[in-house]
């Protein structure tokens, strides 16, 4: 801070959001709020093309590569 350097940090906890968020909308919101360039590219690569698996009642589904997570209806 003595040399008048800028410091920027953004912390997002997305650990519980992957099952319900729509990645294209989230990325658009980041961009509308000023996130651009390398930061936006990093977020895009981190949030797309990931693998997921769902475990319900001790049964594990198959691994699937997704473009972005989709909402899943859960019936108890």
PDB file of N, CA and C in Angstrom:
ATOM      1  N   UNK A   1       0.813  -1.188   0.000  1.00  0.00           N
ATOM      2  CA  UNK A   1       0.000   0.000   0.000  1.00  0.00           C
ATOM      3  C   UNK A   1       0.861   1.259   0.000  1.00  0.00           C
ATOM      4  N   UNK A   2       2.079   1.164   0.469  1.00  0.00           N
ATOM      5  CA  UNK A   2       2.935   2.344   0.519  1.00  0.00           C
ATOM      6  C   UNK A   2       3.275   2.857  -0.870  1.00  0.00           C
ATOM      7  N   UNK A   3       3.299   1.979  -1.857  1.00  0.00           N
ATOM      8  CA  UNK A   3       3.676   2.361  -3.214  1.00  0.00           C
ATOM      9  C   UNK A   3       2.453   2.614  -4.091  1.00  0.00           C
ATOM     10  N   UNK A   4       1.311   2.771  -3.460  1.00  0.00           N
ATOM     11  CA  UNK A   4       0.040   3.043  -4.146  1.00  0.00           C
ATOM     12  C   UNK A   4      -0.302   1.984  -5.198  1.00  0.00           C
ATOM     13  N   UNK A   5      -0.002   0.750  -4.892  1.00  0.00           N
ATOM     14  CA  UNK A   5      -0.362  -0.342  -5.783  1.00  0.00           C
ATOM     15  C   UNK A   5      -1.787  -0.779  -5.472  1.00  0.00           C
ATOM     16  N   UNK A   6      -2.489  -1.179  -6.503  1.00  0.00           N
ATOM     17  CA  UNK A   6      -3.861  -1.638  -6.317  1.00  0.00           C
ATOM     18  C   UNK A   6      -3.857  -3.111  -5.919  1.00  0.00           C
ATOM     19  N   UNK A   7      -4.758  -3.449  -5.034  1.00  0.00           N
ATOM     20  CA  UNK A   7      -4.937  -4.831  -4.608  1.00  0.00           C
ATOM     21  C   UNK A   7      -6.392  -5.189  -4.852  1.00  0.00           C
ATOM     22  N   UNK A   8      -6.610  -6.318  -5.507  1.00  0.00           N
ATOM     23  CA  UNK A   8      -7.962  -6.740  -5.806  1.00  0.00           C
ATOM     24  C   UNK A   8      -8.097  -8.226  -5.513  1.00  0.00           C
ATOM     25  N   UNK A   9      -9.148  -8.581  -4.822  1.00  0.00           N
ATOM     26  CA  UNK A   9      -9.437  -9.990  -4.558  1.00  0.00           C
ATOM     27  C   UNK A   9     -10.944 -10.170  -4.555  1.00  0.00           C
ATOM     28  N   UNK A  10     -11.393 -11.215  -5.205  1.00  0.00           N
ATOM     29  CA  UNK A  10     -12.808 -11.562  -5.203  1.00  0.00           C
ATOM     30  C   UNK A  10     -12.901 -13.010  -4.751  1.00  0.00           C
ATOM     31  N   UNK A  11     -13.686 -13.249  -3.735  1.00  0.00           N
ATOM     32  CA  UNK A  11     -13.853 -14.597  -3.211  1.00  0.00           C
ATOM     33  C   UNK A  11     -15.316 -15.009  -3.368  1.00  0.00           C
ATOM     34  N   UNK A  12     -15.549 -16.077  -4.103  1.00  0.00           N
ATOM     35  CA  UNK A  12     -16.890 -16.617  -4.270  1.00  0.00           C
ATOM     36  C   UNK A  12     -16.874 -18.057  -3.790  1.00  0.00           C
ATOM     37  N   UNK A  13     -17.808 -18.392  -2.909  1.00  0.00           N
ATOM     38  CA  UNK A  13     -17.930 -19.771  -2.450  1.00  0.00           C
ATOM     39  C   UNK A  13     -19.022 -20.433  -3.283  1.00  0.00           C
ATOM     40  N   UNK A  14     -18.626 -21.223  -4.248  1.00  0.00           N
ATOM     41  CA  UNK A  14     -19.574 -21.871  -5.145  1.00  0.00           C
ATOM     42  C   UNK A  14     -19.731 -23.356  -4.853  1.00  0.00           C
ATOM     43  N   UNK A  15     -19.243 -23.805  -3.721  1.00  0.00           N
ATOM     44  CA  UNK A  15     -19.231 -25.242  -3.438  1.00  0.00           C
ATOM     45  C   UNK A  15     -20.622 -25.857  -3.433  1.00  0.00           C
ATOM     46  N   UNK A  16     -21.629 -25.155  -2.945  1.00  0.00           N
ATOM     47  CA  UNK A  16     -22.976 -25.712  -2.891  1.00  0.00           C
ATOM     48  C   UNK A  16     -23.851 -25.236  -4.039  1.00  0.00           C
ATOM     49  N   UNK A  17     -23.320 -24.448  -4.928  1.00  0.00           N
ATOM     50  CA  UNK A  17     -24.124 -23.857  -5.992  1.00  0.00           C
ATOM     51  C   UNK A  17     -24.133 -24.670  -7.276  1.00  0.00           C
ATOM     52  N   UNK A  18     -23.232 -25.624  -7.432  1.00  0.00           N
ATOM     53  CA  UNK A  18     -23.098 -26.287  -8.720  1.00  0.00           C
ATOM     54  C   UNK A  18     -24.326 -27.068  -9.145  1.00  0.00           C
ATOM     55  N   UNK A  19     -25.148 -27.516  -8.231  1.00  0.00           N
ATOM     56  CA  UNK A  19     -26.330 -28.273  -8.607  1.00  0.00           C
ATOM     57  C   UNK A  19     -27.463 -27.429  -9.137  1.00  0.00           C
ATOM     58  N   UNK A  20     -27.439 -26.126  -8.927  1.00  0.00           N
ATOM     59  CA  UNK A  20     -28.589 -25.307  -9.289  1.00  0.00           C
ATOM     60  C   UNK A  20     -28.272 -24.101 -10.154  1.00  0.00           C
ATOM     61  N   UNK A  21     -27.034 -23.720 -10.298  1.00  0.00           N
ATOM     62  CA  UNK A  21     -26.756 -22.489 -11.036  1.00  0.00           C
ATOM     63  C   UNK A  21     -26.673 -22.730 -12.533  1.00  0.00           C
ATOM     64  N   UNK A  22     -27.003 -21.712 -13.283  1.00  0.00           N
ATOM     65  CA  UNK A  22     -26.897 -21.743 -14.731  1.00  0.00           C
ATOM     66  C   UNK A  22     -25.629 -20.972 -15.092  1.00  0.00           C
ATOM     67  N   UNK A  23     -24.615 -21.677 -15.528  1.00  0.00           N
ATOM     68  CA  UNK A  23     -23.294 -21.083 -15.758  1.00  0.00           C
ATOM     69  C   UNK A  23     -23.325 -19.922 -16.746  1.00  0.00           C
ATOM     70  N   UNK A  24     -24.016 -20.025 -17.892  1.00  0.00           N
ATOM     71  CA  UNK A  24     -24.030 -18.876 -18.808  1.00  0.00           C
ATOM     72  C   UNK A  24     -24.580 -17.607 -18.164  1.00  0.00           C
ATOM     73  N   UNK A  25     -25.607 -17.733 -17.354  1.00  0.00           N
ATOM     74  CA  UNK A  25     -26.161 -16.557 -16.668  1.00  0.00           C
ATOM     75  C   UNK A  25     -25.162 -16.019 -15.659  1.00  0.00           C
ATOM     76  N   UNK A  26     -24.522 -16.900 -14.895  1.00  0.00           N
ATOM     77  CA  UNK A  26     -23.530 -16.465 -13.910  1.00  0.00           C
ATOM     78  C   UNK A  26     -22.372 -15.736 -14.590  1.00  0.00           C
ATOM     79  N   UNK A  27     -21.882 -16.279 -15.697  1.00  0.00           N
ATOM     80  CA  UNK A  27     -20.781 -15.636 -16.416  1.00  0.00           C
ATOM     81  C   UNK A  27     -21.193 -14.276 -16.963  1.00  0.00           C
ATOM     82  N   UNK A  28     -22.424 -14.182 -17.459  1.00  0.00           N
ATOM     83  CA  UNK A  28     -22.929 -12.897 -17.952  1.00  0.00           C
ATOM     84  C   UNK A  28     -22.997 -11.874 -16.819  1.00  0.00           C
ATOM     85  N   UNK A  29     -23.419 -12.312 -15.630  1.00  0.00           N
ATOM     86  CA  UNK A  29     -23.481 -11.406 -14.473  1.00  0.00           C
ATOM     87  C   UNK A  29     -22.089 -10.952 -14.056  1.00  0.00           C
ATOM     88  N   UNK A  30     -21.119 -11.874 -14.081  1.00  0.00           N
ATOM     89  CA  UNK A  30     -19.740 -11.472 -13.788  1.00  0.00           C
ATOM     90  C   UNK A  30     -19.299 -10.382 -14.751  1.00  0.00           C
ATOM     91  N   UNK A  31     -19.567 -10.610 -16.051  1.00  0.00           N
ATOM     92  CA  UNK A  31     -19.146  -9.649 -17.073  1.00  0.00           C
ATOM     93  C   UNK A  31     -19.848  -8.304 -16.900  1.00  0.00           C
ATOM     94  N   UNK A  32     -21.138  -8.321 -16.584  1.00  0.00           N
ATOM     95  CA  UNK A  32     -21.888  -7.079 -16.379  1.00  0.00           C
ATOM     96  C   UNK A  32     -21.369  -6.307 -15.174  1.00  0.00           C
ATOM     97  N   UNK A  33     -20.731  -7.014 -14.238  1.00  0.00           N
ATOM     98  CA  UNK A  33     -20.185  -6.363 -13.048  1.00  0.00           C
ATOM     99  C   UNK A  33     -18.701  -6.053 -13.189  1.00  0.00           C
ATOM    100  N   UNK A  34     -18.196  -6.087 -14.421  1.00  0.00           N
ATOM    101  CA  UNK A  34     -16.840  -5.626 -14.669  1.00  0.00           C
ATOM    102  C   UNK A  34     -15.754  -6.679 -14.726  1.00  0.00           C
ATOM    103  N   UNK A  35     -16.109  -7.953 -14.587  1.00  0.00           N
ATOM    104  CA  UNK A  35     -15.095  -9.009 -14.670  1.00  0.00           C
ATOM    105  C   UNK A  35     -14.849  -9.284 -16.150  1.00  0.00           C
ATOM    106  N   UNK A  36     -13.606  -9.115 -16.589  1.00  0.00           N
ATOM    107  CA  UNK A  36     -13.266  -9.290 -17.998  1.00  0.00           C
ATOM    108  C   UNK A  36     -11.882  -9.921 -18.152  1.00  0.00           C
ATOM    109  N   UNK A  37     -11.518 -10.210 -19.379  1.00  0.00           N
ATOM    110  CA  UNK A  37     -10.166 -10.668 -19.687  1.00  0.00           C
ATOM    111  C   UNK A  37      -9.819 -12.003 -19.062  1.00  0.00           C
ATOM    112  N   UNK A  38      -8.624 -12.054 -18.498  1.00  0.00           N
ATOM    113  CA  UNK A  38      -8.091 -13.297 -17.931  1.00  0.00           C
ATOM    114  C   UNK A  38      -8.980 -13.818 -16.804  1.00  0.00           C
ATOM    115  N   UNK A  39      -9.500 -12.917 -15.976  1.00  0.00           N
ATOM    116  CA  UNK A  39     -10.342 -13.350 -14.854  1.00  0.00           C
ATOM    117  C   UNK A  39     -11.609 -14.037 -15.358  1.00  0.00           C
ATOM    118  N   UNK A  40     -12.260 -13.449 -16.360  1.00  0.00           N
ATOM    119  CA  UNK A  40     -13.474 -14.051 -16.913  1.00  0.00           C
ATOM    120  C   UNK A  40     -13.156 -15.366 -17.622  1.00  0.00           C
ATOM    121  N   UNK A  41     -12.056 -15.402 -18.345  1.00  0.00           N
ATOM    122  CA  UNK A  41     -11.639 -16.648 -19.007  1.00  0.00           C
ATOM    123  C   UNK A  41     -11.384 -17.751 -17.991  1.00  0.00           C
ATOM    124  N   UNK A  42     -10.754 -17.401 -16.868  1.00  0.00           N
ATOM    125  CA  UNK A  42     -10.471 -18.385 -15.823  1.00  0.00           C
ATOM    126  C   UNK A  42     -11.774 -18.911 -15.225  1.00  0.00           C
ATOM    127  N   UNK A  43     -12.709 -18.010 -14.932  1.00  0.00           N
ATOM    128  CA  UNK A  43     -14.000 -18.440 -14.391  1.00  0.00           C
ATOM    129  C   UNK A  43     -14.725 -19.344 -15.381  1.00  0.00           C
ATOM    130  N   UNK A  44     -14.731 -18.959 -16.650  1.00  0.00           N
ATOM    131  CA  UNK A  44     -15.400 -19.761 -17.678  1.00  0.00           C
ATOM    132  C   UNK A  44     -14.797 -21.168 -17.743  1.00  0.00           C
ATOM    133  N   UNK A  45     -13.480 -21.265 -17.750  1.00  0.00           N
ATOM    134  CA  UNK A  45     -12.847 -22.585 -17.839  1.00  0.00           C
ATOM    135  C   UNK A  45     -13.046 -23.393 -16.561  1.00  0.00           C
ATOM    136  N   UNK A  46     -13.185 -22.709 -15.430  1.00  0.00           N
ATOM    137  CA  UNK A  46     -13.395 -23.413 -14.161  1.00  0.00           C
ATOM    138  C   UNK A  46     -14.816 -23.934 -14.019  1.00  0.00           C
ATOM    139  N   UNK A  47     -15.773 -23.259 -14.652  1.00  0.00           N
ATOM    140  CA  UNK A  47     -17.179 -23.592 -14.445  1.00  0.00           C
ATOM    141  C   UNK A  47     -17.798 -24.419 -15.563  1.00  0.00           C
ATOM    142  N   UNK A  48     -17.100 -24.620 -16.666  1.00  0.00           N
ATOM    143  CA  UNK A  48     -17.678 -25.384 -17.770  1.00  0.00           C
ATOM    144  C   UNK A  48     -16.866 -26.649 -18.031  1.00  0.00           C
ATOM    145  N   UNK A  49     -17.540 -27.634 -18.592  1.00  0.00           N
ATOM    146  CA  UNK A  49     -16.870 -28.875 -18.956  1.00  0.00           C
ATOM    147  C   UNK A  49     -16.437 -29.718 -17.775  1.00  0.00           C
ATOM    148  N   UNK A  50     -17.069 -29.549 -16.642  1.00  0.00           N
ATOM    149  CA  UNK A  50     -16.724 -30.332 -15.447  1.00  0.00           C
ATOM    150  C   UNK A  50     -17.526 -31.619 -15.420  1.00  0.00           C
ATOM    151  N   UNK A  51     -17.061 -32.575 -14.641  1.00  0.00           N
ATOM    152  CA  UNK A  51     -17.814 -33.811 -14.465  1.00  0.00           C
ATOM    153  C   UNK A  51     -18.573 -33.757 -13.153  1.00  0.00           C
ATOM    154  N   UNK A  52     -19.714 -34.430 -13.136  1.00  0.00           N
ATOM    155  CA  UNK A  52     -20.547 -34.474 -11.939  1.00  0.00           C
ATOM    156  C   UNK A  52     -21.063 -35.888 -11.752  1.00  0.00           C
ATOM    157  N   UNK A  53     -21.403 -36.195 -10.540  1.00  0.00           N
ATOM    158  CA  UNK A  53     -22.088 -37.444 -10.258  1.00  0.00           C
ATOM    159  C   UNK A  53     -23.089 -37.163  -9.145  1.00  0.00           C
ATOM    160  N   UNK A  54     -24.210 -37.849  -9.187  1.00  0.00           N
ATOM    161  CA  UNK A  54     -25.240 -37.664  -8.171  1.00  0.00           C
ATOM    162  C   UNK A  54     -25.352 -38.948  -7.368  1.00  0.00           C
ATOM    163  N   UNK A  55     -25.408 -38.795  -6.044  1.00  0.00           N
ATOM    164  CA  UNK A  55     -25.559 -39.950  -5.165  1.00  0.00           C
ATOM    165  C   UNK A  55     -26.871 -39.773  -4.408  1.00  0.00           C
ATOM    166  N   UNK A  56     -27.781 -40.729  -4.567  1.00  0.00           N
ATOM    167  CA  UNK A  56     -29.076 -40.680  -3.898  1.00  0.00           C
ATOM    168  C   UNK A  56     -29.298 -42.022  -3.221  1.00  0.00           C
ATOM    169  N   UNK A  57     -29.580 -41.966  -1.939  1.00  0.00           N
ATOM    170  CA  UNK A  57     -29.867 -43.183  -1.174  1.00  0.00           C
ATOM    171  C   UNK A  57     -28.776 -44.238  -1.353  1.00  0.00           C
ATOM    172  N   UNK A  58     -27.529 -43.845  -1.221  1.00  0.00           N
ATOM    173  CA  UNK A  58     -26.369 -44.719  -1.304  1.00  0.00           C
ATOM    174  C   UNK A  58     -26.132 -45.306  -2.703  1.00  0.00           C
ATOM    175  N   UNK A  59     -26.874 -44.864  -3.696  1.00  0.00           N
ATOM    176  CA  UNK A  59     -26.652 -45.333  -5.067  1.00  0.00           C
ATOM    177  C   UNK A  59     -25.984 -44.208  -5.852  1.00  0.00           C
ATOM    178  N   UNK A  60     -24.925 -44.555  -6.511  1.00  0.00           N
ATOM    179  CA  UNK A  60     -24.156 -43.559  -7.253  1.00  0.00           C
ATOM    180  C   UNK A  60     -24.470 -43.687  -8.735  1.00  0.00           C
ATOM    181  N   UNK A  61     -24.811 -42.563  -9.336  1.00  0.00           N
ATOM    182  CA  UNK A  61     -25.067 -42.552 -10.777  1.00  0.00           C
ATOM    183  C   UNK A  61     -23.768 -42.565 -11.554  1.00  0.00           C
ATOM    184  N   UNK A  62     -23.879 -42.493 -12.867  1.00  0.00           N
ATOM    185  CA  UNK A  62     -22.678 -42.502 -13.699  1.00  0.00           C
ATOM    186  C   UNK A  62     -22.104 -41.089 -13.808  1.00  0.00           C
ATOM    187  N   UNK A  63     -20.798 -41.024 -14.067  1.00  0.00           N
ATOM    188  CA  UNK A  63     -20.132 -39.739 -14.261  1.00  0.00           C
ATOM    189  C   UNK A  63     -20.536 -39.197 -15.618  1.00  0.00           C
ATOM    190  N   UNK A  64     -20.879 -37.920 -15.659  1.00  0.00           N
ATOM    191  CA  UNK A  64     -21.241 -37.297 -16.921  1.00  0.00           C
ATOM    192  C   UNK A  64     -20.544 -35.957 -17.054  1.00  0.00           C
ATOM    193  N   UNK A  65     -20.069 -35.689 -18.248  1.00  0.00           N
ATOM    194  CA  UNK A  65     -19.465 -34.390 -18.521  1.00  0.00           C
ATOM    195  C   UNK A  65     -20.591 -33.444 -18.915  1.00  0.00           C
ATOM    196  N   UNK A  66     -20.633 -32.285 -18.300  1.00  0.00           N
ATOM    197  CA  UNK A  66     -21.719 -31.347 -18.561  1.00  0.00           C
ATOM    198  C   UNK A  66     -21.176 -30.018 -19.062  1.00  0.00           C
ATOM    199  N   UNK A  67     -21.982 -29.333 -19.869  1.00  0.00           N
ATOM    200  CA  UNK A  67     -21.635 -27.972 -20.270  1.00  0.00           C
ATOM    201  C   UNK A  67     -21.893 -27.060 -19.090  1.00  0.00           C
ATOM    202  N   UNK A  68     -23.025 -27.234 -18.453  1.00  0.00           N
ATOM    203  CA  UNK A  68     -23.317 -26.573 -17.194  1.00  0.00           C
ATOM    204  C   UNK A  68     -24.362 -27.405 -16.469  1.00  0.00           C
ATOM    205  N   UNK A  69     -24.364 -27.330 -15.153  1.00  0.00           N
ATOM    206  CA  UNK A  69     -25.317 -28.138 -14.395  1.00  0.00           C
ATOM    207  C   UNK A  69     -26.753 -27.745 -14.715  1.00  0.00           C
ATOM    208  N   UNK A  70     -27.638 -28.685 -14.674  1.00  0.00           N
ATOM    209  CA  UNK A  70     -29.049 -28.386 -14.865  1.00  0.00           C
ATOM    210  C   UNK A  70     -29.788 -28.701 -13.580  1.00  0.00           C
ATOM    211  N   UNK A  71     -30.957 -28.100 -13.442  1.00  0.00           N
ATOM    212  CA  UNK A  71     -31.739 -28.336 -12.237  1.00  0.00           C
ATOM    213  C   UNK A  71     -32.277 -29.758 -12.255  1.00  0.00           C
ATOM    214  N   UNK A  72     -32.332 -30.359 -11.097  1.00  0.00           N
ATOM    215  CA  UNK A  72     -32.814 -31.723 -10.965  1.00  0.00           C
ATOM    216  C   UNK A  72     -33.933 -31.720  -9.939  1.00  0.00           C
ATOM    217  N   UNK A  73     -35.068 -32.296 -10.295  1.00  0.00           N
ATOM    218  CA  UNK A  73     -36.172 -32.403  -9.347  1.00  0.00           C
ATOM    219  C   UNK A  73     -35.905 -33.560  -8.400  1.00  0.00           C
ATOM    220  N   UNK A  74     -36.129 -33.329  -7.130  1.00  0.00           N
ATOM    221  CA  UNK A  74     -35.922 -34.367  -6.124  1.00  0.00           C
ATOM    222  C   UNK A  74     -37.255 -34.657  -5.467  1.00  0.00           C
ATOM    223  N   UNK A  75     -37.655 -35.914  -5.473  1.00  0.00           N
ATOM    224  CA  UNK A  75     -38.904 -36.327  -4.854  1.00  0.00           C
ATOM    225  C   UNK A  75     -38.561 -37.239  -3.702  1.00  0.00           C
ATOM    226  N   UNK A  76     -39.106 -36.957  -2.541  1.00  0.00           N
ATOM    227  CA  UNK A  76     -38.846 -37.791  -1.364  1.00  0.00           C
ATOM    228  C   UNK A  76     -39.969 -38.755  -1.135  1.00  0.00           C
TER     229      UNK A  76
END
